[in-house]
């Protein structure tokens, strides 16, 4: 499955919000592929078509990479319940460098990611603020007719209808996002959201801050 601008624009973008519960939203399985738990951190951090936008200290001893989909209710749950404490305890204190990467599970999620990047203009602070807003408002726009609520969010961010439409039809942005997604599938065997890599160690699902701490803290003690 490929995420494309054309399919989003031609479809009705009818994406029903899945039942909210702890767990993950999954793509079809990848036959014959064993899921490795760990990958070299250097491989994960190699540049791709879409530059990473980081939160935290670039020299932090721990790097967390999250692959998420904007229409994933479990990703929204993580953003609401775990991320604030993760940011307070680890990111704001210089212990963790955090990056969110686009892994849309459907064309609507792809469109929303493209919009978020465009609205933020590659400013990490604005981007993560927009991501937080979109996850918080997920129930309002992950519906049969998503454009009106998304347009309202766009206007709050200072975009006009013309600039909003220009964001969604930026083919270069769609191609870059799909490059990130395909690399995640082929190289790192990502098949569900949210999926995290903590210094290369896989952590899957909307885990709690306590579960995260069990993975993060040993790296800090060893530093």
N, C-alpha and C. Protein backbone atom coordinates (compact mmCIF):
# COMPACT_ATOMS: atom_id res chain seq x y z
N UNK A 1 0.83 -1.20 0.00
CA UNK A 1 0.00 0.00 0.00
C UNK A 1 0.87 1.24 0.00
N UNK A 2 0.57 2.17 -0.87
CA UNK A 2 1.28 3.43 -0.92
C UNK A 2 0.32 4.56 -0.56
N UNK A 3 0.86 5.55 0.13
CA UNK A 3 0.08 6.71 0.51
C UNK A 3 0.30 7.79 -0.55
N UNK A 4 -0.77 8.24 -1.19
CA UNK A 4 -0.63 9.18 -2.29
C UNK A 4 -1.56 10.37 -2.15
N UNK A 5 -1.08 11.51 -2.64
CA UNK A 5 -1.90 12.72 -2.67
C UNK A 5 -3.10 12.52 -3.57
N UNK A 6 -2.92 11.87 -4.72
CA UNK A 6 -4.00 11.70 -5.68
C UNK A 6 -5.16 10.92 -5.07
N UNK A 7 -4.84 9.84 -4.36
CA UNK A 7 -5.91 9.03 -3.77
C UNK A 7 -6.66 9.81 -2.71
N UNK A 8 -5.95 10.64 -1.96
CA UNK A 8 -6.64 11.45 -0.96
C UNK A 8 -7.58 12.44 -1.63
N UNK A 9 -7.06 13.11 -2.65
CA UNK A 9 -7.86 14.14 -3.31
C UNK A 9 -9.08 13.57 -4.03
N UNK A 10 -8.96 12.33 -4.54
CA UNK A 10 -10.06 11.76 -5.31
C UNK A 10 -11.05 11.00 -4.43
N UNK A 11 -10.61 10.61 -3.25
CA UNK A 11 -11.50 9.84 -2.38
C UNK A 11 -12.36 10.77 -1.55
N UNK A 12 -13.30 10.17 -0.83
CA UNK A 12 -14.12 10.97 0.09
C UNK A 12 -13.43 11.10 1.44
N UNK A 13 -12.26 10.48 1.57
CA UNK A 13 -11.49 10.51 2.82
C UNK A 13 -12.35 10.07 4.00
N UNK A 14 -13.17 9.03 3.77
CA UNK A 14 -14.05 8.54 4.83
C UNK A 14 -13.27 7.60 5.73
N UNK A 15 -12.70 8.16 6.77
CA UNK A 15 -11.91 7.36 7.71
C UNK A 15 -12.61 7.37 9.06
N UNK A 16 -13.15 6.25 9.47
CA UNK A 16 -13.82 6.18 10.78
C UNK A 16 -12.78 6.05 11.87
N UNK A 17 -12.96 6.79 12.93
CA UNK A 17 -12.06 6.71 14.07
C UNK A 17 -12.27 5.36 14.76
N UNK A 18 -11.18 4.60 14.89
CA UNK A 18 -11.28 3.27 15.49
C UNK A 18 -11.65 3.37 16.96
N UNK A 19 -12.13 2.28 17.51
CA UNK A 19 -12.49 2.25 18.92
C UNK A 19 -11.26 2.56 19.75
N UNK A 20 -11.39 3.53 20.66
CA UNK A 20 -10.26 3.95 21.45
C UNK A 20 -10.00 2.91 22.55
N UNK A 21 -8.80 2.32 22.47
CA UNK A 21 -8.39 1.35 23.47
C UNK A 21 -6.88 1.24 23.40
N UNK A 22 -6.25 0.80 24.45
CA UNK A 22 -4.81 0.65 24.46
C UNK A 22 -4.41 -0.44 23.48
N UNK A 23 -3.28 -0.21 22.80
CA UNK A 23 -2.80 -1.18 21.84
C UNK A 23 -2.18 -0.48 20.65
N UNK A 24 -2.31 -1.08 19.47
CA UNK A 24 -1.74 -0.49 18.27
C UNK A 24 -2.70 -0.66 17.11
N UNK A 25 -2.56 0.24 16.12
CA UNK A 25 -3.29 0.11 14.87
C UNK A 25 -2.33 -0.47 13.86
N UNK A 26 -2.69 -1.56 13.20
CA UNK A 26 -1.71 -2.28 12.40
C UNK A 26 -2.01 -2.27 10.92
N UNK A 27 -0.93 -2.29 10.14
CA UNK A 27 -1.00 -2.53 8.72
C UNK A 27 -1.10 -4.04 8.51
N UNK A 28 -1.43 -4.48 7.29
CA UNK A 28 -1.40 -5.91 7.03
C UNK A 28 -0.02 -6.49 7.37
N UNK A 29 0.05 -7.73 7.83
CA UNK A 29 1.33 -8.31 8.23
C UNK A 29 2.26 -8.46 7.04
N UNK A 30 3.53 -8.61 7.34
CA UNK A 30 4.54 -8.77 6.31
C UNK A 30 4.98 -10.23 6.32
N UNK A 31 4.45 -11.06 5.42
CA UNK A 31 4.73 -12.49 5.44
C UNK A 31 6.22 -12.77 5.34
N UNK A 32 6.69 -13.68 6.17
CA UNK A 32 8.07 -14.13 6.07
C UNK A 32 9.09 -13.19 6.66
N UNK A 33 8.66 -12.10 7.30
CA UNK A 33 9.61 -11.15 7.86
C UNK A 33 9.56 -11.24 9.38
N UNK A 34 10.68 -11.59 9.97
CA UNK A 34 10.78 -11.61 11.42
C UNK A 34 11.06 -10.19 11.91
N UNK A 35 10.41 -9.82 12.99
CA UNK A 35 10.61 -8.48 13.54
C UNK A 35 11.79 -8.48 14.49
N UNK A 36 12.83 -7.75 14.15
CA UNK A 36 13.97 -7.59 15.04
C UNK A 36 13.61 -6.57 16.12
N UNK A 37 14.21 -6.73 17.28
CA UNK A 37 13.94 -5.80 18.37
C UNK A 37 14.82 -4.56 18.31
N UNK A 38 16.05 -4.74 17.85
CA UNK A 38 17.02 -3.66 17.90
C UNK A 38 17.62 -3.37 16.52
N UNK A 39 17.95 -2.12 16.31
CA UNK A 39 18.64 -1.68 15.10
C UNK A 39 19.71 -0.68 15.51
N UNK A 40 20.81 -0.61 14.77
CA UNK A 40 21.84 0.37 15.10
C UNK A 40 21.26 1.78 15.08
N UNK A 41 21.50 2.54 16.13
CA UNK A 41 20.96 3.90 16.21
C UNK A 41 21.44 4.75 15.04
N UNK A 42 22.67 4.52 14.59
CA UNK A 42 23.21 5.29 13.47
C UNK A 42 22.41 5.06 12.20
N UNK A 43 21.93 3.83 12.00
CA UNK A 43 21.10 3.54 10.82
C UNK A 43 19.76 4.26 10.92
N UNK A 44 19.17 4.27 12.09
CA UNK A 44 17.89 4.94 12.28
C UNK A 44 17.99 6.44 12.02
N UNK A 45 19.14 7.02 12.30
CA UNK A 45 19.28 8.47 12.23
C UNK A 45 19.86 8.96 10.91
N UNK A 46 20.06 8.07 9.95
CA UNK A 46 20.54 8.51 8.64
C UNK A 46 19.48 9.41 7.99
N UNK A 47 19.91 10.49 7.34
CA UNK A 47 18.95 11.43 6.72
C UNK A 47 18.09 10.75 5.67
N UNK A 48 16.86 11.22 5.56
CA UNK A 48 15.92 10.73 4.55
C UNK A 48 15.42 11.93 3.76
N UNK A 49 14.45 11.69 2.89
CA UNK A 49 13.93 12.76 2.03
C UNK A 49 13.27 13.87 2.84
N UNK A 50 12.70 13.52 3.99
CA UNK A 50 12.09 14.51 4.87
C UNK A 50 12.97 14.69 6.10
N UNK A 51 13.58 15.85 6.28
CA UNK A 51 14.46 16.07 7.43
C UNK A 51 13.72 15.91 8.74
N UNK A 52 14.40 15.34 9.73
CA UNK A 52 13.80 15.18 11.04
C UNK A 52 13.68 16.52 11.76
N UNK A 53 12.59 16.67 12.50
CA UNK A 53 12.40 17.83 13.37
C UNK A 53 12.48 17.32 14.81
N UNK A 54 13.45 17.82 15.57
CA UNK A 54 13.72 17.30 16.90
C UNK A 54 13.15 18.18 18.00
N UNK A 55 12.85 17.55 19.11
CA UNK A 55 12.63 18.22 20.38
C UNK A 55 13.74 17.78 21.31
N UNK A 56 14.27 18.70 22.12
CA UNK A 56 15.30 18.35 23.08
C UNK A 56 16.70 18.69 22.61
N UNK A 57 17.66 18.29 23.42
CA UNK A 57 19.07 18.56 23.18
C UNK A 57 19.61 17.63 22.10
N UNK A 58 20.22 18.23 21.08
CA UNK A 58 20.77 17.42 19.99
C UNK A 58 21.86 16.47 20.48
N UNK A 59 22.47 16.76 21.63
CA UNK A 59 23.54 15.93 22.17
C UNK A 59 23.06 15.05 23.32
N UNK A 60 21.76 14.90 23.45
CA UNK A 60 21.20 14.07 24.52
C UNK A 60 21.71 12.64 24.40
N UNK A 61 21.91 11.96 25.53
CA UNK A 61 22.43 10.58 25.48
C UNK A 61 21.45 9.56 24.92
N UNK A 62 20.17 9.91 24.89
CA UNK A 62 19.14 9.00 24.39
C UNK A 62 18.35 9.67 23.27
N UNK A 63 18.15 8.95 22.19
CA UNK A 63 17.30 9.43 21.10
C UNK A 63 16.11 8.50 20.96
N UNK A 64 14.92 9.09 20.97
CA UNK A 64 13.69 8.33 20.76
C UNK A 64 13.11 8.71 19.41
N UNK A 65 12.89 7.74 18.57
CA UNK A 65 12.22 7.93 17.28
C UNK A 65 10.85 7.28 17.38
N UNK A 66 9.81 8.06 17.12
CA UNK A 66 8.46 7.51 17.11
C UNK A 66 7.91 7.51 15.69
N UNK A 67 7.38 6.38 15.26
CA UNK A 67 6.63 6.31 14.01
C UNK A 67 5.15 6.29 14.38
N UNK A 68 4.42 7.28 13.87
CA UNK A 68 3.02 7.43 14.26
C UNK A 68 2.15 7.74 13.05
N UNK A 69 0.86 7.50 13.21
CA UNK A 69 -0.13 7.86 12.20
C UNK A 69 -1.13 8.82 12.84
N UNK A 70 -1.46 9.89 12.15
CA UNK A 70 -2.34 10.91 12.73
C UNK A 70 -3.75 10.39 12.97
N UNK A 71 -4.19 9.35 12.27
CA UNK A 71 -5.52 8.79 12.48
C UNK A 71 -5.52 7.63 13.47
N UNK A 72 -4.39 7.33 14.06
CA UNK A 72 -4.26 6.22 15.01
C UNK A 72 -4.71 6.67 16.40
N UNK A 73 -5.77 6.09 16.95
CA UNK A 73 -6.24 6.49 18.28
C UNK A 73 -5.25 6.17 19.39
N UNK A 74 -4.44 5.14 19.19
CA UNK A 74 -3.45 4.77 20.19
C UNK A 74 -2.32 5.80 20.24
N UNK A 75 -2.00 6.36 19.08
CA UNK A 75 -1.00 7.44 19.04
C UNK A 75 -1.53 8.67 19.75
N UNK A 76 -2.80 8.97 19.55
CA UNK A 76 -3.43 10.11 20.23
C UNK A 76 -3.46 9.87 21.74
N UNK A 77 -3.74 8.63 22.13
CA UNK A 77 -3.76 8.28 23.55
C UNK A 77 -2.37 8.49 24.16
N UNK A 78 -1.34 8.04 23.47
CA UNK A 78 0.03 8.24 23.95
C UNK A 78 0.35 9.72 24.08
N UNK A 79 -0.03 10.48 23.07
CA UNK A 79 0.25 11.91 23.08
C UNK A 79 -0.42 12.60 24.27
N UNK A 80 -1.60 12.13 24.62
CA UNK A 80 -2.35 12.75 25.70
C UNK A 80 -1.90 12.30 27.08
N UNK A 81 -1.57 11.01 27.22
CA UNK A 81 -1.34 10.47 28.56
C UNK A 81 0.13 10.29 28.93
N UNK A 82 0.98 9.96 27.98
CA UNK A 82 2.38 9.65 28.29
C UNK A 82 3.35 10.74 27.86
N UNK A 83 3.11 11.33 26.69
CA UNK A 83 4.09 12.27 26.15
C UNK A 83 4.35 13.47 27.07
N UNK A 84 3.33 14.08 27.70
CA UNK A 84 3.62 15.23 28.56
C UNK A 84 4.64 14.91 29.66
N UNK A 85 4.51 13.75 30.28
CA UNK A 85 5.46 13.37 31.33
C UNK A 85 6.82 13.00 30.74
N UNK A 86 6.81 12.37 29.57
CA UNK A 86 8.06 12.06 28.88
C UNK A 86 8.83 13.35 28.57
N UNK A 87 8.11 14.34 28.10
CA UNK A 87 8.72 15.63 27.78
C UNK A 87 9.27 16.30 29.04
N UNK A 88 8.45 16.31 30.09
CA UNK A 88 8.85 16.97 31.34
C UNK A 88 10.06 16.29 31.98
N UNK A 89 10.03 14.95 32.00
CA UNK A 89 11.04 14.20 32.74
C UNK A 89 12.34 14.01 31.97
N UNK A 90 12.22 13.84 30.65
CA UNK A 90 13.40 13.47 29.88
C UNK A 90 13.80 14.47 28.78
N UNK A 91 12.82 14.98 28.03
CA UNK A 91 13.17 15.86 26.90
C UNK A 91 13.60 17.23 27.39
N UNK A 92 12.81 17.84 28.26
CA UNK A 92 13.11 19.19 28.74
C UNK A 92 14.34 19.24 29.64
N UNK A 93 14.75 18.10 30.16
CA UNK A 93 15.92 18.05 31.04
C UNK A 93 17.21 17.69 30.29
N UNK A 94 17.12 17.56 28.96
CA UNK A 94 18.31 17.30 28.16
C UNK A 94 18.74 15.86 28.11
N UNK A 95 17.90 14.94 28.61
CA UNK A 95 18.27 13.53 28.62
C UNK A 95 17.86 12.80 27.34
N UNK A 96 16.83 13.33 26.67
CA UNK A 96 16.30 12.65 25.48
C UNK A 96 16.13 13.64 24.34
N UNK A 97 16.54 13.20 23.17
CA UNK A 97 16.22 13.88 21.91
C UNK A 97 15.10 13.07 21.27
N UNK A 98 14.02 13.75 20.91
CA UNK A 98 12.81 13.06 20.44
C UNK A 98 12.47 13.52 19.03
N UNK A 99 12.11 12.57 18.19
CA UNK A 99 11.67 12.90 16.84
C UNK A 99 10.47 12.05 16.46
N UNK A 100 9.46 12.70 15.91
CA UNK A 100 8.29 12.01 15.40
C UNK A 100 8.42 11.88 13.90
N UNK A 101 8.23 10.67 13.39
CA UNK A 101 8.30 10.44 11.95
C UNK A 101 6.94 9.99 11.44
N UNK A 102 6.65 10.39 10.21
CA UNK A 102 5.35 10.12 9.60
C UNK A 102 5.25 8.66 9.18
N UNK A 103 4.22 7.98 9.66
CA UNK A 103 3.92 6.62 9.23
C UNK A 103 2.42 6.50 9.05
N UNK A 104 1.85 7.24 8.07
CA UNK A 104 0.40 7.25 7.89
C UNK A 104 -0.14 5.88 7.53
N UNK A 105 -1.25 5.52 8.16
CA UNK A 105 -1.90 4.25 7.88
C UNK A 105 -2.98 4.37 6.81
N UNK A 106 -3.27 5.60 6.38
CA UNK A 106 -4.28 5.84 5.37
C UNK A 106 -4.02 7.21 4.75
N UNK A 107 -4.75 7.53 3.70
CA UNK A 107 -4.50 8.77 2.99
C UNK A 107 -4.88 10.02 3.78
N UNK A 108 -5.88 9.91 4.64
CA UNK A 108 -6.23 11.06 5.48
C UNK A 108 -5.08 11.38 6.44
N UNK A 109 -4.52 10.36 7.06
CA UNK A 109 -3.38 10.58 7.95
C UNK A 109 -2.22 11.22 7.19
N UNK A 110 -2.02 10.77 5.94
CA UNK A 110 -0.97 11.37 5.12
C UNK A 110 -1.23 12.84 4.87
N UNK A 111 -2.47 13.18 4.55
CA UNK A 111 -2.82 14.57 4.28
C UNK A 111 -2.61 15.44 5.52
N UNK A 112 -2.95 14.90 6.68
CA UNK A 112 -2.82 15.67 7.92
C UNK A 112 -1.35 15.88 8.27
N UNK A 113 -0.51 14.89 8.04
CA UNK A 113 0.92 15.07 8.25
C UNK A 113 1.48 16.14 7.31
N UNK A 114 1.11 16.08 6.04
CA UNK A 114 1.57 17.09 5.07
C UNK A 114 1.14 18.47 5.52
N UNK A 115 -0.09 18.59 5.96
CA UNK A 115 -0.61 19.87 6.45
C UNK A 115 0.19 20.36 7.66
N UNK A 116 0.48 19.47 8.60
CA UNK A 116 1.20 19.86 9.81
C UNK A 116 2.59 20.39 9.48
N UNK A 117 3.29 19.70 8.60
CA UNK A 117 4.62 20.16 8.20
C UNK A 117 4.54 21.52 7.51
N UNK A 118 3.57 21.67 6.65
CA UNK A 118 3.41 22.91 5.90
C UNK A 118 3.06 24.07 6.83
N UNK A 119 2.14 23.84 7.74
CA UNK A 119 1.71 24.90 8.65
C UNK A 119 2.83 25.35 9.57
N UNK A 120 3.73 24.42 9.91
CA UNK A 120 4.82 24.74 10.84
C UNK A 120 6.03 25.35 10.16
N UNK A 121 6.12 25.17 8.82
CA UNK A 121 7.25 25.71 8.05
C UNK A 121 8.60 25.27 8.63
N UNK A 122 8.69 23.99 8.98
CA UNK A 122 9.92 23.37 9.48
C UNK A 122 10.42 23.95 10.79
N UNK A 123 9.54 24.60 11.55
CA UNK A 123 9.88 25.07 12.89
C UNK A 123 9.49 23.97 13.87
N UNK A 124 10.46 23.32 14.55
CA UNK A 124 10.10 22.20 15.43
C UNK A 124 9.07 22.55 16.48
N UNK A 125 9.19 23.73 17.08
CA UNK A 125 8.26 24.13 18.13
C UNK A 125 6.83 24.22 17.58
N UNK A 126 6.68 24.88 16.43
CA UNK A 126 5.35 25.00 15.81
C UNK A 126 4.83 23.66 15.34
N UNK A 127 5.74 22.82 14.81
CA UNK A 127 5.32 21.52 14.31
C UNK A 127 4.75 20.65 15.42
N UNK A 128 5.47 20.55 16.53
CA UNK A 128 5.00 19.69 17.61
C UNK A 128 3.78 20.28 18.31
N UNK A 129 3.65 21.58 18.29
CA UNK A 129 2.44 22.21 18.81
C UNK A 129 1.24 21.86 17.92
N UNK A 130 1.46 21.87 16.61
CA UNK A 130 0.40 21.49 15.68
C UNK A 130 0.04 20.02 15.81
N UNK A 131 1.05 19.17 15.94
CA UNK A 131 0.81 17.74 16.12
C UNK A 131 -0.03 17.50 17.38
N UNK A 132 0.31 18.19 18.45
CA UNK A 132 -0.43 18.06 19.70
C UNK A 132 -1.90 18.46 19.50
N UNK A 133 -2.11 19.57 18.80
CA UNK A 133 -3.48 20.03 18.53
C UNK A 133 -4.24 19.01 17.69
N UNK A 134 -3.62 18.49 16.66
CA UNK A 134 -4.29 17.55 15.77
C UNK A 134 -4.63 16.24 16.48
N UNK A 135 -3.74 15.75 17.32
CA UNK A 135 -4.06 14.54 18.08
C UNK A 135 -5.18 14.83 19.08
N UNK A 136 -5.12 15.98 19.73
CA UNK A 136 -6.14 16.33 20.72
C UNK A 136 -7.51 16.47 20.09
N UNK A 137 -7.54 16.96 18.84
CA UNK A 137 -8.79 17.18 18.12
C UNK A 137 -9.12 16.05 17.15
N UNK A 138 -8.45 14.92 17.32
CA UNK A 138 -8.59 13.82 16.35
C UNK A 138 -10.04 13.42 16.12
N UNK A 139 -10.84 13.38 17.16
CA UNK A 139 -12.23 12.94 17.03
C UNK A 139 -13.06 13.90 16.18
N UNK A 140 -12.61 15.14 16.03
CA UNK A 140 -13.39 16.11 15.26
C UNK A 140 -13.11 16.02 13.77
N UNK A 141 -11.87 15.62 13.39
CA UNK A 141 -11.56 15.62 11.95
C UNK A 141 -11.39 14.23 11.35
N UNK A 142 -11.17 13.20 12.16
CA UNK A 142 -11.06 11.83 11.63
C UNK A 142 -12.46 11.26 11.45
N UNK A 143 -13.19 11.89 10.53
CA UNK A 143 -14.60 11.59 10.30
C UNK A 143 -14.85 11.51 8.80
N UNK A 144 -16.10 11.30 8.43
CA UNK A 144 -16.44 11.14 7.01
C UNK A 144 -16.12 12.39 6.19
N UNK A 145 -16.33 13.56 6.79
CA UNK A 145 -16.04 14.81 6.09
C UNK A 145 -14.99 15.59 6.89
N UNK A 146 -13.71 15.29 6.65
CA UNK A 146 -12.65 15.86 7.50
C UNK A 146 -12.25 17.28 7.14
N UNK A 147 -12.56 17.74 5.93
CA UNK A 147 -12.02 19.02 5.49
C UNK A 147 -12.49 20.22 6.33
N UNK A 148 -13.79 20.36 6.64
CA UNK A 148 -14.21 21.54 7.43
C UNK A 148 -13.50 21.67 8.78
N UNK A 149 -13.41 20.61 9.60
CA UNK A 149 -12.69 20.78 10.87
C UNK A 149 -11.20 21.02 10.68
N UNK A 150 -10.60 20.41 9.66
CA UNK A 150 -9.18 20.66 9.40
C UNK A 150 -8.97 22.10 8.93
N UNK A 151 -9.90 22.60 8.15
CA UNK A 151 -9.81 23.98 7.69
C UNK A 151 -9.88 24.94 8.88
N UNK A 152 -10.71 24.61 9.85
CA UNK A 152 -10.82 25.45 11.04
C UNK A 152 -9.50 25.48 11.80
N UNK A 153 -8.85 24.34 11.92
CA UNK A 153 -7.54 24.28 12.58
C UNK A 153 -6.51 25.06 11.77
N UNK A 154 -6.59 24.93 10.45
CA UNK A 154 -5.66 25.66 9.57
C UNK A 154 -5.79 27.16 9.75
N UNK A 155 -7.02 27.64 9.83
CA UNK A 155 -7.25 29.08 10.00
C UNK A 155 -6.74 29.57 11.34
N UNK A 156 -6.87 28.75 12.37
CA UNK A 156 -6.32 29.09 13.67
C UNK A 156 -4.80 29.20 13.63
N UNK A 157 -4.19 28.43 12.71
CA UNK A 157 -2.74 28.47 12.55
C UNK A 157 -2.29 29.57 11.60
N UNK A 158 -3.24 30.35 11.07
CA UNK A 158 -2.91 31.48 10.22
C UNK A 158 -2.91 31.18 8.74
N UNK A 159 -3.43 30.02 8.34
CA UNK A 159 -3.48 29.67 6.92
C UNK A 159 -4.82 30.10 6.33
N UNK A 160 -4.78 30.48 5.08
CA UNK A 160 -6.00 30.76 4.34
C UNK A 160 -6.45 29.48 3.66
N UNK A 161 -7.65 29.50 3.09
CA UNK A 161 -8.12 28.33 2.35
C UNK A 161 -7.18 28.02 1.19
N UNK A 162 -6.69 29.06 0.54
CA UNK A 162 -5.78 28.87 -0.59
C UNK A 162 -4.47 28.22 -0.15
N UNK A 163 -3.90 28.70 0.95
CA UNK A 163 -2.64 28.13 1.42
C UNK A 163 -2.84 26.72 1.97
N UNK A 164 -4.00 26.47 2.58
CA UNK A 164 -4.32 25.13 3.06
C UNK A 164 -4.37 24.14 1.90
N UNK A 165 -5.06 24.52 0.83
CA UNK A 165 -5.14 23.66 -0.35
C UNK A 165 -3.77 23.47 -0.99
N UNK A 166 -2.96 24.53 -0.98
CA UNK A 166 -1.61 24.42 -1.54
C UNK A 166 -0.77 23.43 -0.75
N UNK A 167 -0.95 23.42 0.57
CA UNK A 167 -0.23 22.45 1.41
C UNK A 167 -0.58 21.02 1.00
N UNK A 168 -1.86 20.75 0.87
CA UNK A 168 -2.31 19.39 0.62
C UNK A 168 -1.97 18.90 -0.79
N UNK A 169 -1.69 19.81 -1.70
CA UNK A 169 -1.38 19.40 -3.08
C UNK A 169 0.11 19.52 -3.39
N UNK A 170 0.92 19.63 -2.36
CA UNK A 170 2.38 19.71 -2.55
C UNK A 170 2.93 18.30 -2.76
N UNK A 171 3.13 17.92 -4.01
CA UNK A 171 3.55 16.56 -4.32
C UNK A 171 4.91 16.22 -3.73
N UNK A 172 5.80 17.20 -3.67
CA UNK A 172 7.13 16.96 -3.10
C UNK A 172 7.02 16.52 -1.64
N UNK A 173 6.11 17.14 -0.90
CA UNK A 173 5.92 16.78 0.50
C UNK A 173 5.35 15.37 0.63
N UNK A 174 4.40 15.02 -0.24
CA UNK A 174 3.83 13.66 -0.22
C UNK A 174 4.91 12.63 -0.53
N UNK A 175 5.75 12.91 -1.51
CA UNK A 175 6.81 11.97 -1.90
C UNK A 175 7.81 11.78 -0.76
N UNK A 176 8.17 12.88 -0.09
CA UNK A 176 9.13 12.78 1.02
C UNK A 176 8.55 11.96 2.16
N UNK A 177 7.28 12.19 2.46
CA UNK A 177 6.63 11.44 3.52
C UNK A 177 6.58 9.94 3.19
N UNK A 178 6.26 9.62 1.95
CA UNK A 178 6.19 8.22 1.55
C UNK A 178 7.56 7.56 1.58
N UNK A 179 8.62 8.33 1.29
CA UNK A 179 9.98 7.80 1.39
C UNK A 179 10.29 7.39 2.82
N UNK A 180 9.92 8.24 3.78
CA UNK A 180 10.13 7.92 5.20
C UNK A 180 9.35 6.67 5.58
N UNK A 181 8.13 6.59 5.11
CA UNK A 181 7.26 5.46 5.46
C UNK A 181 7.79 4.15 4.88
N UNK A 182 8.20 4.17 3.62
CA UNK A 182 8.69 2.95 2.99
C UNK A 182 10.00 2.48 3.61
N UNK A 183 10.86 3.42 3.99
CA UNK A 183 12.11 3.05 4.66
C UNK A 183 11.82 2.39 6.00
N UNK A 184 10.82 2.91 6.72
CA UNK A 184 10.45 2.33 8.01
C UNK A 184 9.98 0.89 7.84
N UNK A 185 9.19 0.66 6.80
CA UNK A 185 8.68 -0.69 6.53
C UNK A 185 9.80 -1.64 6.13
N UNK A 186 10.59 -1.23 5.17
CA UNK A 186 11.57 -2.13 4.56
C UNK A 186 12.82 -2.32 5.43
N UNK A 187 13.29 -1.24 6.05
CA UNK A 187 14.55 -1.33 6.77
C UNK A 187 14.36 -1.64 8.25
N UNK A 188 13.31 -1.09 8.85
CA UNK A 188 13.12 -1.25 10.30
C UNK A 188 11.90 -2.08 10.66
N UNK A 189 11.23 -2.64 9.65
CA UNK A 189 10.11 -3.57 9.83
C UNK A 189 8.98 -2.99 10.68
N UNK A 190 8.75 -1.69 10.54
CA UNK A 190 7.63 -1.07 11.25
C UNK A 190 6.33 -1.52 10.60
N UNK A 191 5.41 -2.02 11.42
CA UNK A 191 4.13 -2.48 10.88
C UNK A 191 2.96 -2.08 11.76
N UNK A 192 3.19 -1.20 12.74
CA UNK A 192 2.11 -0.77 13.61
C UNK A 192 2.45 0.60 14.19
N UNK A 193 1.42 1.27 14.67
CA UNK A 193 1.64 2.57 15.31
C UNK A 193 0.95 2.61 16.67
N UNK A 194 1.57 3.28 17.65
CA UNK A 194 2.91 3.86 17.54
C UNK A 194 4.00 2.81 17.71
N UNK A 195 5.10 2.98 17.02
CA UNK A 195 6.31 2.18 17.23
C UNK A 195 7.44 3.14 17.57
N UNK A 196 8.16 2.84 18.64
CA UNK A 196 9.27 3.68 19.09
C UNK A 196 10.58 2.91 18.98
N UNK A 197 11.66 3.67 18.80
CA UNK A 197 13.00 3.11 18.92
C UNK A 197 13.77 3.99 19.90
N UNK A 198 14.21 3.38 21.00
CA UNK A 198 14.96 4.10 22.03
C UNK A 198 16.43 3.71 21.87
N UNK A 199 17.22 4.61 21.31
CA UNK A 199 18.61 4.29 20.96
C UNK A 199 18.67 2.99 20.16
N UNK A 200 17.67 2.78 19.32
CA UNK A 200 17.64 1.61 18.45
C UNK A 200 16.83 0.45 18.98
N UNK A 201 16.42 0.48 20.25
CA UNK A 201 15.64 -0.60 20.85
C UNK A 201 14.15 -0.37 20.58
N UNK A 202 13.49 -1.36 20.00
CA UNK A 202 12.08 -1.23 19.65
C UNK A 202 11.19 -1.27 20.89
N UNK A 203 10.24 -0.33 20.93
CA UNK A 203 9.19 -0.32 21.95
C UNK A 203 7.88 -0.08 21.20
N UNK A 204 6.96 -1.03 21.24
CA UNK A 204 5.74 -0.92 20.45
C UNK A 204 4.52 -0.70 21.33
N UNK A 205 3.60 0.14 20.83
CA UNK A 205 2.35 0.38 21.52
C UNK A 205 2.36 1.66 22.34
N UNK A 206 1.18 2.05 22.79
CA UNK A 206 1.03 3.29 23.56
C UNK A 206 1.41 3.02 25.01
N UNK A 207 2.71 2.87 25.25
CA UNK A 207 3.21 2.45 26.55
C UNK A 207 3.13 3.60 27.57
N UNK A 208 3.18 3.23 28.83
CA UNK A 208 3.14 4.20 29.91
C UNK A 208 4.52 4.80 30.14
N UNK A 209 4.58 5.87 30.92
CA UNK A 209 5.86 6.48 31.23
C UNK A 209 6.72 5.52 32.05
N UNK A 210 6.10 4.70 32.88
CA UNK A 210 6.86 3.73 33.67
C UNK A 210 7.53 2.69 32.77
N UNK A 211 6.81 2.24 31.76
CA UNK A 211 7.39 1.28 30.82
C UNK A 211 8.52 1.92 30.02
N UNK A 212 8.34 3.17 29.64
CA UNK A 212 9.40 3.89 28.93
C UNK A 212 10.64 4.04 29.80
N UNK A 213 10.42 4.37 31.06
CA UNK A 213 11.54 4.59 31.97
C UNK A 213 12.42 3.34 32.07
N UNK A 214 11.81 2.15 32.03
CA UNK A 214 12.58 0.92 32.12
C UNK A 214 13.56 0.78 30.96
N UNK A 215 13.23 1.35 29.82
CA UNK A 215 14.10 1.29 28.64
C UNK A 215 15.09 2.46 28.63
N UNK A 216 14.65 3.63 29.02
CA UNK A 216 15.48 4.83 28.94
C UNK A 216 16.54 4.88 30.03
N UNK A 217 16.15 4.61 31.28
CA UNK A 217 17.03 4.82 32.42
C UNK A 217 18.34 4.05 32.37
N UNK A 218 18.35 2.80 31.89
CA UNK A 218 19.65 2.11 31.80
C UNK A 218 20.66 2.82 30.90
N UNK A 219 20.20 3.46 29.85
CA UNK A 219 21.12 4.22 29.00
C UNK A 219 21.69 5.42 29.75
N UNK A 220 20.89 6.03 30.60
CA UNK A 220 21.35 7.20 31.36
C UNK A 220 22.35 6.79 32.44
N UNK A 221 22.10 5.66 33.09
CA UNK A 221 23.01 5.19 34.13
C UNK A 221 24.35 4.76 33.55
N UNK A 222 24.30 4.32 32.30
CA UNK A 222 25.54 3.88 31.68
C UNK A 222 26.33 5.00 31.04
N UNK A 223 25.73 6.22 31.07
CA UNK A 223 26.38 7.33 30.40
C UNK A 223 27.39 8.03 31.27
